[in-house]
Amino acid sequence: MTKEQFLSMLVLEGFPEPILVEREADGFLDDHTHPFEVKALVVSGQIDLVVDGVSTSYISGELFHLLENQVHTERYGNNGVQYLASRKNQSESN
């Protein structure tokens, strides 16, 4: 997916403007949640997410989606990761 396609999708789905998130090489976050829904486009590097015991790797051009309060872990590739993340609170969609 291109950045332009991602931005268009966000508008159609009522998500706010994304921010650029950068994570360090070989970093990780153990089990945690976010108080918002996330749609993100990987710009460079790699992120591995584990949700419900299933690990999925995402690289440049790929989209990942996490629901509000969804338990997950994050691991970042040996070059780190950069992604555009749009965060939507449940109250924003009502």
N, C-alpha and C. Protein backbone atom coordinates (compact mmCIF):
# COMPACT_ATOMS: atom_id res chain seq x y z
N MET A 1 0.85 -1.18 0.00
CA MET A 1 0.00 0.00 0.00
C MET A 1 0.90 1.24 0.00
N THR A 2 0.53 2.21 -0.78
CA THR A 2 1.29 3.45 -0.81
C THR A 2 0.81 4.39 0.31
N LYS A 3 1.62 5.39 0.59
CA LYS A 3 1.24 6.37 1.60
C LYS A 3 -0.06 7.07 1.20
N GLU A 4 -0.20 7.39 -0.08
CA GLU A 4 -1.41 8.08 -0.55
C GLU A 4 -2.65 7.21 -0.37
N GLN A 5 -2.53 5.91 -0.68
CA GLN A 5 -3.64 4.98 -0.48
C GLN A 5 -4.00 4.88 1.00
N PHE A 6 -2.98 4.82 1.84
CA PHE A 6 -3.20 4.74 3.29
C PHE A 6 -3.93 5.98 3.80
N LEU A 7 -3.47 7.15 3.40
CA LEU A 7 -4.10 8.39 3.85
C LEU A 7 -5.55 8.47 3.39
N SER A 8 -5.84 8.05 2.16
CA SER A 8 -7.22 8.04 1.65
C SER A 8 -8.09 7.08 2.46
N MET A 9 -7.56 5.90 2.78
CA MET A 9 -8.30 4.92 3.57
C MET A 9 -8.63 5.49 4.95
N LEU A 10 -7.66 6.17 5.57
CA LEU A 10 -7.91 6.75 6.89
C LEU A 10 -9.07 7.74 6.85
N VAL A 11 -9.09 8.59 5.85
CA VAL A 11 -10.17 9.57 5.72
C VAL A 11 -11.52 8.86 5.59
N LEU A 12 -11.57 7.85 4.72
CA LEU A 12 -12.82 7.12 4.49
C LEU A 12 -13.30 6.41 5.75
N GLU A 13 -12.38 5.97 6.60
CA GLU A 13 -12.74 5.22 7.79
C GLU A 13 -12.80 6.08 9.06
N GLY A 14 -12.66 7.40 8.89
CA GLY A 14 -12.81 8.31 10.01
C GLY A 14 -11.65 8.34 10.99
N PHE A 15 -10.45 7.97 10.51
CA PHE A 15 -9.26 8.03 11.36
C PHE A 15 -8.59 9.38 11.21
N PRO A 16 -7.95 9.87 12.27
CA PRO A 16 -7.25 11.16 12.19
C PRO A 16 -5.93 11.05 11.42
N GLU A 17 -5.33 12.19 11.17
CA GLU A 17 -4.01 12.27 10.51
C GLU A 17 -3.00 11.41 11.28
N PRO A 18 -2.21 10.61 10.58
CA PRO A 18 -1.25 9.75 11.28
C PRO A 18 -0.01 10.52 11.73
N ILE A 19 0.70 9.90 12.68
CA ILE A 19 1.99 10.43 13.12
C ILE A 19 3.07 9.41 12.76
N LEU A 20 4.29 9.87 12.59
CA LEU A 20 5.41 8.98 12.31
C LEU A 20 5.96 8.46 13.63
N VAL A 21 6.02 7.14 13.76
CA VAL A 21 6.56 6.49 14.95
C VAL A 21 7.86 5.81 14.54
N GLU A 22 8.90 6.00 15.35
CA GLU A 22 10.19 5.36 15.10
C GLU A 22 10.57 4.54 16.31
N ARG A 23 10.96 3.27 16.08
CA ARG A 23 11.38 2.38 17.16
C ARG A 23 12.78 1.87 16.88
N GLU A 24 13.54 1.67 17.95
CA GLU A 24 14.95 1.31 17.85
C GLU A 24 15.15 -0.12 17.36
N ALA A 25 16.32 -0.37 16.78
CA ALA A 25 16.69 -1.69 16.30
C ALA A 25 16.66 -2.71 17.43
N ASP A 26 16.08 -3.86 17.14
CA ASP A 26 16.03 -5.00 18.07
C ASP A 26 15.30 -4.69 19.38
N GLY A 27 14.48 -3.65 19.39
CA GLY A 27 13.72 -3.31 20.58
C GLY A 27 12.46 -4.15 20.69
N PHE A 28 11.79 -4.07 21.83
CA PHE A 28 10.55 -4.81 22.03
C PHE A 28 9.72 -4.21 23.14
N LEU A 29 8.45 -4.50 23.09
CA LEU A 29 7.51 -4.19 24.17
C LEU A 29 6.76 -5.48 24.47
N ASP A 30 6.78 -5.91 25.73
CA ASP A 30 6.03 -7.10 26.12
C ASP A 30 4.54 -6.81 26.12
N ASP A 31 3.74 -7.78 26.54
CA ASP A 31 2.28 -7.65 26.53
C ASP A 31 1.83 -6.28 27.04
N HIS A 32 1.02 -5.63 26.23
CA HIS A 32 0.44 -4.34 26.61
C HIS A 32 -0.77 -4.06 25.73
N THR A 33 -1.49 -3.00 26.04
CA THR A 33 -2.64 -2.56 25.25
C THR A 33 -2.52 -1.06 25.01
N HIS A 34 -3.36 -0.56 24.13
CA HIS A 34 -3.48 0.88 23.89
C HIS A 34 -4.95 1.26 24.08
N PRO A 35 -5.23 2.43 24.64
CA PRO A 35 -6.62 2.85 24.85
C PRO A 35 -7.23 3.46 23.59
N PHE A 36 -6.78 3.00 22.43
CA PHE A 36 -7.26 3.49 21.14
C PHE A 36 -7.07 2.41 20.09
N GLU A 37 -7.80 2.54 18.99
CA GLU A 37 -7.63 1.66 17.83
C GLU A 37 -6.50 2.23 16.98
N VAL A 38 -5.70 1.36 16.38
CA VAL A 38 -4.55 1.80 15.58
C VAL A 38 -4.61 1.18 14.18
N LYS A 39 -4.41 2.02 13.18
CA LYS A 39 -4.13 1.55 11.82
C LYS A 39 -2.79 2.17 11.46
N ALA A 40 -1.87 1.34 10.97
CA ALA A 40 -0.52 1.84 10.72
C ALA A 40 0.04 1.26 9.43
N LEU A 41 0.84 2.07 8.76
CA LEU A 41 1.54 1.68 7.54
C LEU A 41 3.03 1.69 7.81
N VAL A 42 3.68 0.54 7.61
CA VAL A 42 5.12 0.47 7.81
C VAL A 42 5.81 1.21 6.67
N VAL A 43 6.68 2.16 7.03
CA VAL A 43 7.41 2.98 6.07
C VAL A 43 8.78 2.36 5.78
N SER A 44 9.43 1.87 6.83
CA SER A 44 10.73 1.21 6.66
C SER A 44 10.98 0.27 7.83
N GLY A 45 11.83 -0.72 7.62
CA GLY A 45 12.16 -1.66 8.67
C GLY A 45 11.11 -2.75 8.81
N GLN A 46 11.05 -3.32 10.00
CA GLN A 46 10.14 -4.44 10.26
C GLN A 46 9.63 -4.38 11.69
N ILE A 47 8.36 -4.74 11.86
CA ILE A 47 7.75 -4.91 13.17
C ILE A 47 7.06 -6.26 13.20
N ASP A 48 7.25 -6.99 14.29
CA ASP A 48 6.59 -8.26 14.51
C ASP A 48 5.60 -8.07 15.65
N LEU A 49 4.34 -8.39 15.40
CA LEU A 49 3.30 -8.28 16.41
C LEU A 49 2.81 -9.67 16.77
N VAL A 50 2.59 -9.91 18.06
CA VAL A 50 1.98 -11.15 18.52
C VAL A 50 0.64 -10.78 19.13
N VAL A 51 -0.43 -11.31 18.52
CA VAL A 51 -1.80 -11.07 18.97
C VAL A 51 -2.47 -12.43 19.10
N ASP A 52 -3.05 -12.71 20.25
CA ASP A 52 -3.71 -14.00 20.50
C ASP A 52 -2.81 -15.18 20.18
N GLY A 53 -1.52 -15.05 20.51
CA GLY A 53 -0.57 -16.13 20.30
C GLY A 53 -0.08 -16.29 18.88
N VAL A 54 -0.51 -15.43 17.97
CA VAL A 54 -0.11 -15.51 16.56
C VAL A 54 0.85 -14.38 16.24
N SER A 55 2.04 -14.74 15.75
CA SER A 55 3.05 -13.75 15.39
C SER A 55 2.96 -13.43 13.90
N THR A 56 2.95 -12.14 13.58
CA THR A 56 2.91 -11.69 12.19
C THR A 56 3.96 -10.60 12.01
N SER A 57 4.73 -10.72 10.92
CA SER A 57 5.75 -9.72 10.58
C SER A 57 5.21 -8.77 9.53
N TYR A 58 5.53 -7.49 9.69
CA TYR A 58 5.12 -6.46 8.75
C TYR A 58 6.35 -5.69 8.30
N ILE A 59 6.44 -5.46 6.98
CA ILE A 59 7.56 -4.73 6.40
C ILE A 59 7.02 -3.54 5.60
N SER A 60 7.93 -2.79 5.03
CA SER A 60 7.59 -1.58 4.28
C SER A 60 6.44 -1.83 3.30
N GLY A 61 5.43 -0.94 3.37
CA GLY A 61 4.29 -1.03 2.47
C GLY A 61 3.14 -1.85 3.01
N GLU A 62 3.33 -2.49 4.17
CA GLU A 62 2.27 -3.31 4.74
C GLU A 62 1.56 -2.59 5.88
N LEU A 63 0.30 -2.91 6.03
CA LEU A 63 -0.58 -2.27 6.99
C LEU A 63 -0.84 -3.21 8.16
N PHE A 64 -0.84 -2.67 9.39
CA PHE A 64 -1.32 -3.45 10.52
C PHE A 64 -2.40 -2.69 11.26
N HIS A 65 -3.24 -3.46 11.95
CA HIS A 65 -4.43 -2.91 12.61
C HIS A 65 -4.55 -3.55 13.98
N LEU A 66 -4.67 -2.73 15.01
CA LEU A 66 -4.89 -3.21 16.36
C LEU A 66 -6.15 -2.56 16.91
N LEU A 67 -6.98 -3.37 17.54
CA LEU A 67 -8.20 -2.85 18.15
C LEU A 67 -7.89 -2.18 19.48
N GLU A 68 -8.79 -1.34 19.91
CA GLU A 68 -8.66 -0.69 21.22
C GLU A 68 -8.54 -1.76 22.30
N ASN A 69 -7.57 -1.61 23.19
CA ASN A 69 -7.34 -2.51 24.32
C ASN A 69 -7.00 -3.95 23.93
N GLN A 70 -6.53 -4.17 22.70
CA GLN A 70 -6.13 -5.50 22.26
C GLN A 70 -4.72 -5.81 22.78
N VAL A 71 -4.60 -6.90 23.54
CA VAL A 71 -3.31 -7.29 24.11
C VAL A 71 -2.40 -7.76 22.97
N HIS A 72 -1.15 -7.23 22.99
CA HIS A 72 -0.18 -7.62 21.95
C HIS A 72 1.23 -7.36 22.44
N THR A 73 2.20 -7.97 21.76
CA THR A 73 3.61 -7.66 21.97
C THR A 73 4.16 -7.10 20.67
N GLU A 74 5.23 -6.34 20.78
CA GLU A 74 5.89 -5.75 19.61
C GLU A 74 7.37 -6.06 19.66
N ARG A 75 7.94 -6.44 18.51
CA ARG A 75 9.38 -6.62 18.36
C ARG A 75 9.79 -5.91 17.08
N TYR A 76 10.93 -5.23 17.14
CA TYR A 76 11.38 -4.42 16.00
C TYR A 76 12.58 -5.08 15.35
N GLY A 77 12.67 -4.97 14.04
CA GLY A 77 13.73 -5.62 13.27
C GLY A 77 15.12 -5.08 13.58
N ASN A 78 16.13 -5.72 12.96
CA ASN A 78 17.52 -5.33 13.24
C ASN A 78 17.88 -3.96 12.69
N ASN A 79 16.98 -3.35 11.92
CA ASN A 79 17.17 -1.96 11.49
C ASN A 79 16.12 -1.04 12.12
N GLY A 80 15.41 -1.55 13.13
CA GLY A 80 14.34 -0.78 13.73
C GLY A 80 13.13 -0.75 12.81
N VAL A 81 12.23 0.19 13.06
CA VAL A 81 11.04 0.33 12.24
C VAL A 81 10.56 1.78 12.30
N GLN A 82 9.98 2.22 11.20
CA GLN A 82 9.26 3.49 11.13
C GLN A 82 7.90 3.18 10.54
N TYR A 83 6.86 3.73 11.18
CA TYR A 83 5.53 3.53 10.62
C TYR A 83 4.66 4.76 10.88
N LEU A 84 3.71 4.95 9.99
CA LEU A 84 2.71 6.01 10.15
C LEU A 84 1.54 5.40 10.90
N ALA A 85 1.21 5.96 12.06
CA ALA A 85 0.15 5.40 12.90
C ALA A 85 -0.97 6.41 13.11
N SER A 86 -2.18 5.95 12.85
CA SER A 86 -3.37 6.76 13.12
C SER A 86 -4.11 6.11 14.27
N ARG A 87 -4.40 6.91 15.28
CA ARG A 87 -5.00 6.39 16.51
C ARG A 87 -6.39 6.99 16.70
N LYS A 88 -7.37 6.12 16.77
CA LYS A 88 -8.76 6.58 16.90
C LYS A 88 -9.34 6.09 18.22
N ASN A 89 -9.78 7.03 19.04
CA ASN A 89 -10.45 6.69 20.28
C ASN A 89 -11.89 6.33 19.97
N GLN A 90 -12.46 5.43 20.74
CA GLN A 90 -13.83 4.99 20.52
C GLN A 90 -14.78 6.18 20.51
N SER A 91 -14.53 7.16 21.37
CA SER A 91 -15.42 8.34 21.46
C SER A 91 -15.40 9.16 20.19
N GLU A 92 -14.32 9.08 19.40
CA GLU A 92 -14.23 9.84 18.15
C GLU A 92 -15.14 9.28 17.07
N SER A 93 -15.47 7.98 17.17
CA SER A 93 -16.27 7.36 16.11
C SER A 93 -17.76 7.37 16.43
N ASN A 94 -18.14 7.89 17.58
CA ASN A 94 -19.57 7.94 17.97
C ASN A 94 -20.19 9.25 17.56
